[in-house]
Amino acid sequence: MPEESDAAAEDAKLVTLARSARVRLGAAEGAAVRDETGRTYVAATVELSSLQLSAVQAAVAAAVSSGSQTLDAVAVVGTLQELREADRAVLADVAVTKVLIADADGVRLSVDVAP
């Protein structure tokens, strides 16, 4: 049982990190990813005239550019009810096994086991 509790605490941490990125930057979405070694990466939606990235895409880019090869979990916070097709494709590239979606207040809406 303690393992389930530890996993739930780690998932809650991801949601908190994603929420804080969204709030801090006033972005539409925030995302946090956890890699195969337990390191976390956080990002928010990027909306520049020359570059648009979802929070999930930005967080995955941060992780991959830091050397992560696979991601254990991702949390996304915002008004999203389900992942966009482009986000699913990115998550499939890095073999994510768990996707947590939460509303703007950090209340978990869904948990996907794979994208």
N, C-alpha and C. Protein backbone atom coordinates (compact mmCIF):
# COMPACT_ATOMS: atom_id res chain seq x y z
N MET A 1 0.79 -1.21 0.00
CA MET A 1 0.00 0.00 0.00
C MET A 1 0.84 1.28 0.00
N PRO A 2 1.95 1.35 0.71
CA PRO A 2 2.72 2.58 0.72
C PRO A 2 3.16 3.01 -0.67
N GLU A 3 3.41 2.04 -1.56
CA GLU A 3 3.81 2.39 -2.91
C GLU A 3 2.73 3.19 -3.62
N GLU A 4 1.46 2.80 -3.45
CA GLU A 4 0.36 3.54 -4.06
C GLU A 4 0.28 4.93 -3.49
N SER A 5 0.49 5.07 -2.20
CA SER A 5 0.46 6.37 -1.55
C SER A 5 1.58 7.26 -2.06
N ASP A 6 2.78 6.69 -2.23
CA ASP A 6 3.91 7.44 -2.77
C ASP A 6 3.62 7.90 -4.19
N ALA A 7 3.04 7.02 -4.99
CA ALA A 7 2.71 7.37 -6.38
C ALA A 7 1.67 8.48 -6.41
N ALA A 8 0.68 8.41 -5.55
CA ALA A 8 -0.35 9.45 -5.49
C ALA A 8 0.26 10.78 -5.08
N ALA A 9 1.19 10.76 -4.15
CA ALA A 9 1.86 12.00 -3.72
C ALA A 9 2.69 12.59 -4.85
N GLU A 10 3.37 11.75 -5.60
CA GLU A 10 4.17 12.23 -6.73
C GLU A 10 3.28 12.80 -7.83
N ASP A 11 2.13 12.17 -8.06
CA ASP A 11 1.17 12.69 -9.04
C ASP A 11 0.61 14.03 -8.59
N ALA A 12 0.30 14.15 -7.31
CA ALA A 12 -0.20 15.42 -6.77
C ALA A 12 0.84 16.52 -6.92
N LYS A 13 2.10 16.16 -6.73
CA LYS A 13 3.19 17.13 -6.91
C LYS A 13 3.22 17.63 -8.35
N LEU A 14 3.06 16.73 -9.32
CA LEU A 14 3.05 17.14 -10.72
C LEU A 14 1.92 18.13 -11.00
N VAL A 15 0.74 17.84 -10.48
CA VAL A 15 -0.40 18.73 -10.68
C VAL A 15 -0.12 20.10 -10.05
N THR A 16 0.45 20.12 -8.87
CA THR A 16 0.79 21.38 -8.19
C THR A 16 1.81 22.17 -9.01
N LEU A 17 2.83 21.50 -9.52
CA LEU A 17 3.83 22.19 -10.34
C LEU A 17 3.23 22.76 -11.62
N ALA A 18 2.37 21.99 -12.26
CA ALA A 18 1.72 22.46 -13.49
C ALA A 18 0.83 23.66 -13.20
N ARG A 19 0.10 23.58 -12.11
CA ARG A 19 -0.78 24.68 -11.73
C ARG A 19 0.02 25.94 -11.42
N SER A 20 1.13 25.79 -10.73
CA SER A 20 1.93 26.97 -10.37
C SER A 20 2.53 27.62 -11.61
N ALA A 21 2.94 26.84 -12.60
CA ALA A 21 3.47 27.42 -13.84
C ALA A 21 2.39 28.23 -14.55
N ARG A 22 1.20 27.68 -14.60
CA ARG A 22 0.09 28.37 -15.26
C ARG A 22 -0.23 29.69 -14.57
N VAL A 23 -0.34 29.65 -13.25
CA VAL A 23 -0.70 30.84 -12.48
C VAL A 23 0.41 31.88 -12.55
N ARG A 24 1.65 31.45 -12.34
CA ARG A 24 2.79 32.36 -12.32
C ARG A 24 2.91 33.15 -13.62
N LEU A 25 2.63 32.49 -14.74
CA LEU A 25 2.80 33.13 -16.03
C LEU A 25 1.49 33.65 -16.62
N GLY A 26 0.38 33.38 -15.96
CA GLY A 26 -0.91 33.81 -16.49
C GLY A 26 -1.23 33.14 -17.82
N ALA A 27 -0.79 31.91 -17.97
CA ALA A 27 -0.94 31.18 -19.23
C ALA A 27 -2.26 30.41 -19.27
N ALA A 28 -2.63 29.99 -20.47
CA ALA A 28 -3.84 29.20 -20.65
C ALA A 28 -3.71 27.83 -19.99
N GLU A 29 -2.51 27.25 -20.06
CA GLU A 29 -2.27 25.92 -19.50
C GLU A 29 -0.89 25.87 -18.86
N GLY A 30 -0.75 24.98 -17.92
CA GLY A 30 0.55 24.65 -17.34
C GLY A 30 0.72 23.15 -17.41
N ALA A 31 1.94 22.69 -17.54
CA ALA A 31 2.20 21.24 -17.58
C ALA A 31 3.47 20.93 -16.81
N ALA A 32 3.51 19.74 -16.26
CA ALA A 32 4.70 19.23 -15.60
C ALA A 32 4.88 17.79 -16.03
N VAL A 33 6.12 17.40 -16.27
CA VAL A 33 6.42 16.02 -16.64
C VAL A 33 7.45 15.46 -15.67
N ARG A 34 7.39 14.15 -15.47
CA ARG A 34 8.36 13.44 -14.64
C ARG A 34 9.04 12.41 -15.54
N ASP A 35 10.38 12.44 -15.54
CA ASP A 35 11.09 11.51 -16.41
C ASP A 35 11.40 10.19 -15.72
N GLU A 36 12.11 9.35 -16.43
CA GLU A 36 12.39 8.00 -15.95
C GLU A 36 13.26 7.97 -14.69
N THR A 37 13.95 9.07 -14.40
CA THR A 37 14.79 9.13 -13.20
C THR A 37 14.14 9.88 -12.05
N GLY A 38 12.92 10.40 -12.28
CA GLY A 38 12.21 11.14 -11.24
C GLY A 38 12.37 12.65 -11.32
N ARG A 39 13.18 13.13 -12.25
CA ARG A 39 13.32 14.58 -12.43
C ARG A 39 12.03 15.15 -13.02
N THR A 40 11.72 16.38 -12.63
CA THR A 40 10.50 17.03 -13.14
C THR A 40 10.87 18.26 -13.96
N TYR A 41 10.03 18.55 -14.94
CA TYR A 41 10.18 19.71 -15.81
C TYR A 41 8.82 20.38 -15.91
N VAL A 42 8.82 21.70 -15.90
CA VAL A 42 7.58 22.46 -15.86
C VAL A 42 7.58 23.48 -16.99
N ALA A 43 6.41 23.71 -17.58
CA ALA A 43 6.29 24.71 -18.64
C ALA A 43 4.85 25.20 -18.71
N ALA A 44 4.67 26.28 -19.42
CA ALA A 44 3.34 26.84 -19.66
C ALA A 44 3.16 27.03 -21.16
N THR A 45 1.96 27.34 -21.57
CA THR A 45 1.66 27.60 -22.96
C THR A 45 2.56 28.71 -23.49
N VAL A 46 3.08 28.53 -24.70
CA VAL A 46 3.92 29.54 -25.36
C VAL A 46 3.12 30.09 -26.53
N GLU A 47 2.88 31.39 -26.50
CA GLU A 47 2.13 32.03 -27.59
C GLU A 47 2.87 33.27 -28.05
N LEU A 48 3.82 33.05 -28.96
CA LEU A 48 4.56 34.14 -29.60
C LEU A 48 4.09 34.24 -31.04
N SER A 49 4.36 35.36 -31.68
CA SER A 49 3.95 35.47 -33.07
C SER A 49 4.66 34.44 -33.95
N SER A 50 5.87 34.04 -33.56
CA SER A 50 6.64 33.10 -34.37
C SER A 50 6.65 31.67 -33.83
N LEU A 51 6.08 31.45 -32.65
CA LEU A 51 6.12 30.12 -32.04
C LEU A 51 4.93 29.91 -31.13
N GLN A 52 4.21 28.81 -31.36
CA GLN A 52 3.10 28.42 -30.49
C GLN A 52 3.32 26.98 -30.05
N LEU A 53 3.34 26.80 -28.72
CA LEU A 53 3.47 25.46 -28.15
C LEU A 53 2.45 25.30 -27.04
N SER A 54 1.86 24.13 -26.98
CA SER A 54 1.02 23.84 -25.83
C SER A 54 1.95 23.66 -24.63
N ALA A 55 1.39 23.72 -23.45
CA ALA A 55 2.19 23.51 -22.24
C ALA A 55 2.82 22.12 -22.24
N VAL A 56 2.08 21.13 -22.72
CA VAL A 56 2.60 19.76 -22.78
C VAL A 56 3.81 19.71 -23.72
N GLN A 57 3.68 20.31 -24.90
CA GLN A 57 4.79 20.30 -25.84
C GLN A 57 6.01 21.01 -25.26
N ALA A 58 5.80 22.14 -24.59
CA ALA A 58 6.92 22.88 -24.01
C ALA A 58 7.59 22.10 -22.89
N ALA A 59 6.81 21.44 -22.04
CA ALA A 59 7.38 20.65 -20.94
C ALA A 59 8.16 19.45 -21.49
N VAL A 60 7.62 18.79 -22.49
CA VAL A 60 8.33 17.66 -23.09
C VAL A 60 9.62 18.14 -23.74
N ALA A 61 9.58 19.27 -24.43
CA ALA A 61 10.79 19.82 -25.05
C ALA A 61 11.85 20.12 -24.00
N ALA A 62 11.45 20.68 -22.86
CA ALA A 62 12.40 20.96 -21.78
C ALA A 62 13.04 19.67 -21.27
N ALA A 63 12.23 18.64 -21.09
CA ALA A 63 12.75 17.36 -20.59
C ALA A 63 13.70 16.71 -21.59
N VAL A 64 13.28 16.64 -22.84
CA VAL A 64 14.09 15.99 -23.87
C VAL A 64 15.39 16.76 -24.10
N SER A 65 15.31 18.09 -24.08
CA SER A 65 16.53 18.88 -24.29
C SER A 65 17.48 18.79 -23.11
N SER A 66 17.01 18.27 -21.98
CA SER A 66 17.85 18.05 -20.81
C SER A 66 18.35 16.61 -20.72
N GLY A 67 18.02 15.80 -21.71
CA GLY A 67 18.53 14.44 -21.75
C GLY A 67 17.56 13.34 -21.41
N SER A 68 16.34 13.66 -21.05
CA SER A 68 15.35 12.61 -20.74
C SER A 68 15.00 11.85 -22.02
N GLN A 69 14.87 10.55 -21.87
CA GLN A 69 14.52 9.73 -23.03
C GLN A 69 13.10 9.20 -22.97
N THR A 70 12.61 8.95 -21.77
CA THR A 70 11.21 8.55 -21.60
C THR A 70 10.63 9.33 -20.43
N LEU A 71 9.34 9.49 -20.45
CA LEU A 71 8.64 10.20 -19.38
C LEU A 71 7.66 9.27 -18.72
N ASP A 72 7.67 9.30 -17.40
CA ASP A 72 6.79 8.46 -16.60
C ASP A 72 5.38 9.01 -16.56
N ALA A 73 5.25 10.33 -16.39
CA ALA A 73 3.92 10.92 -16.23
C ALA A 73 3.93 12.38 -16.66
N VAL A 74 2.76 12.86 -17.01
CA VAL A 74 2.56 14.28 -17.33
C VAL A 74 1.28 14.74 -16.66
N ALA A 75 1.31 15.96 -16.15
CA ALA A 75 0.09 16.60 -15.62
C ALA A 75 -0.11 17.88 -16.41
N VAL A 76 -1.34 18.13 -16.80
CA VAL A 76 -1.67 19.37 -17.50
C VAL A 76 -2.84 20.01 -16.77
N VAL A 77 -2.72 21.32 -16.55
CA VAL A 77 -3.73 22.07 -15.80
C VAL A 77 -4.22 23.22 -16.65
N GLY A 78 -5.52 23.41 -16.70
CA GLY A 78 -6.11 24.51 -17.45
C GLY A 78 -7.56 24.22 -17.76
N THR A 79 -8.01 24.71 -18.90
CA THR A 79 -9.40 24.51 -19.29
C THR A 79 -9.58 23.27 -20.17
N LEU A 80 -8.51 22.58 -20.42
CA LEU A 80 -8.51 21.39 -21.27
C LEU A 80 -9.31 20.26 -20.63
N GLN A 81 -10.16 19.62 -21.39
CA GLN A 81 -10.91 18.47 -20.89
C GLN A 81 -10.28 17.15 -21.32
N GLU A 82 -9.55 17.19 -22.42
CA GLU A 82 -8.82 16.01 -22.90
C GLU A 82 -7.65 16.49 -23.74
N LEU A 83 -6.69 15.63 -23.95
CA LEU A 83 -5.50 16.02 -24.70
C LEU A 83 -5.80 16.26 -26.16
N ARG A 84 -5.10 17.22 -26.72
CA ARG A 84 -5.15 17.46 -28.16
C ARG A 84 -4.40 16.33 -28.88
N GLU A 85 -4.73 16.13 -30.12
CA GLU A 85 -4.07 15.09 -30.90
C GLU A 85 -2.56 15.34 -31.00
N ALA A 86 -2.15 16.59 -31.16
CA ALA A 86 -0.72 16.91 -31.25
C ALA A 86 0.00 16.57 -29.95
N ASP A 87 -0.64 16.82 -28.80
CA ASP A 87 -0.04 16.47 -27.52
C ASP A 87 0.07 14.95 -27.36
N ARG A 88 -0.95 14.24 -27.80
CA ARG A 88 -0.91 12.77 -27.73
C ARG A 88 0.26 12.23 -28.55
N ALA A 89 0.49 12.81 -29.72
CA ALA A 89 1.59 12.36 -30.58
C ALA A 89 2.94 12.59 -29.90
N VAL A 90 3.12 13.76 -29.29
CA VAL A 90 4.37 14.07 -28.59
C VAL A 90 4.57 13.10 -27.43
N LEU A 91 3.53 12.84 -26.67
CA LEU A 91 3.64 11.94 -25.52
C LEU A 91 3.92 10.50 -25.95
N ALA A 92 3.40 10.11 -27.09
CA ALA A 92 3.69 8.77 -27.61
C ALA A 92 5.17 8.65 -27.97
N ASP A 93 5.76 9.73 -28.48
CA ASP A 93 7.18 9.72 -28.84
C ASP A 93 8.08 9.46 -27.64
N VAL A 94 7.66 9.88 -26.46
CA VAL A 94 8.49 9.72 -25.26
C VAL A 94 7.93 8.67 -24.30
N ALA A 95 7.00 7.87 -24.78
CA ALA A 95 6.48 6.71 -24.06
C ALA A 95 5.88 7.03 -22.69
N VAL A 96 5.11 8.11 -22.59
CA VAL A 96 4.46 8.45 -21.33
C VAL A 96 3.46 7.36 -20.97
N THR A 97 3.43 6.99 -19.68
CA THR A 97 2.51 5.94 -19.24
C THR A 97 1.31 6.47 -18.47
N LYS A 98 1.40 7.73 -17.99
CA LYS A 98 0.28 8.28 -17.22
C LYS A 98 0.08 9.75 -17.57
N VAL A 99 -1.18 10.12 -17.82
CA VAL A 99 -1.54 11.50 -18.13
C VAL A 99 -2.60 11.94 -17.13
N LEU A 100 -2.30 13.02 -16.40
CA LEU A 100 -3.24 13.59 -15.43
C LEU A 100 -3.74 14.92 -15.99
N ILE A 101 -5.04 15.09 -16.03
CA ILE A 101 -5.63 16.35 -16.48
C ILE A 101 -6.40 16.95 -15.32
N ALA A 102 -6.12 18.23 -15.03
CA ALA A 102 -6.78 18.90 -13.91
C ALA A 102 -7.32 20.24 -14.37
N ASP A 103 -8.32 20.73 -13.65
CA ASP A 103 -8.87 22.04 -13.98
C ASP A 103 -7.95 23.14 -13.43
N ALA A 104 -8.34 24.38 -13.64
CA ALA A 104 -7.51 25.52 -13.23
C ALA A 104 -7.22 25.56 -11.74
N ASP A 105 -8.08 24.95 -10.94
CA ASP A 105 -7.88 24.90 -9.49
C ASP A 105 -7.03 23.70 -9.05
N GLY A 106 -6.62 22.88 -10.01
CA GLY A 106 -5.82 21.71 -9.68
C GLY A 106 -6.63 20.49 -9.32
N VAL A 107 -7.94 20.55 -9.52
CA VAL A 107 -8.81 19.41 -9.22
C VAL A 107 -8.71 18.42 -10.38
N ARG A 108 -8.30 17.21 -10.08
CA ARG A 108 -8.08 16.21 -11.11
C ARG A 108 -9.39 15.85 -11.81
N LEU A 109 -9.36 15.93 -13.14
CA LEU A 109 -10.53 15.60 -13.94
C LEU A 109 -10.44 14.18 -14.50
N SER A 110 -9.22 13.78 -14.88
CA SER A 110 -9.08 12.44 -15.44
C SER A 110 -7.65 11.96 -15.32
N VAL A 111 -7.52 10.66 -15.41
CA VAL A 111 -6.21 10.01 -15.44
C VAL A 111 -6.24 9.03 -16.60
N ASP A 112 -5.33 9.22 -17.54
CA ASP A 112 -5.18 8.31 -18.65
C ASP A 112 -3.98 7.44 -18.37
N VAL A 113 -4.07 6.18 -18.71
CA VAL A 113 -2.92 5.31 -18.47
C VAL A 113 -1.90 5.42 -19.60
N ALA A 114 -2.31 5.78 -20.78
CA ALA A 114 -1.39 5.97 -21.91
C ALA A 114 -2.04 6.91 -22.91
N PRO A 115 -1.22 7.68 -23.63
CA PRO A 115 -1.80 8.62 -24.62
C PRO A 115 -2.36 7.92 -25.83
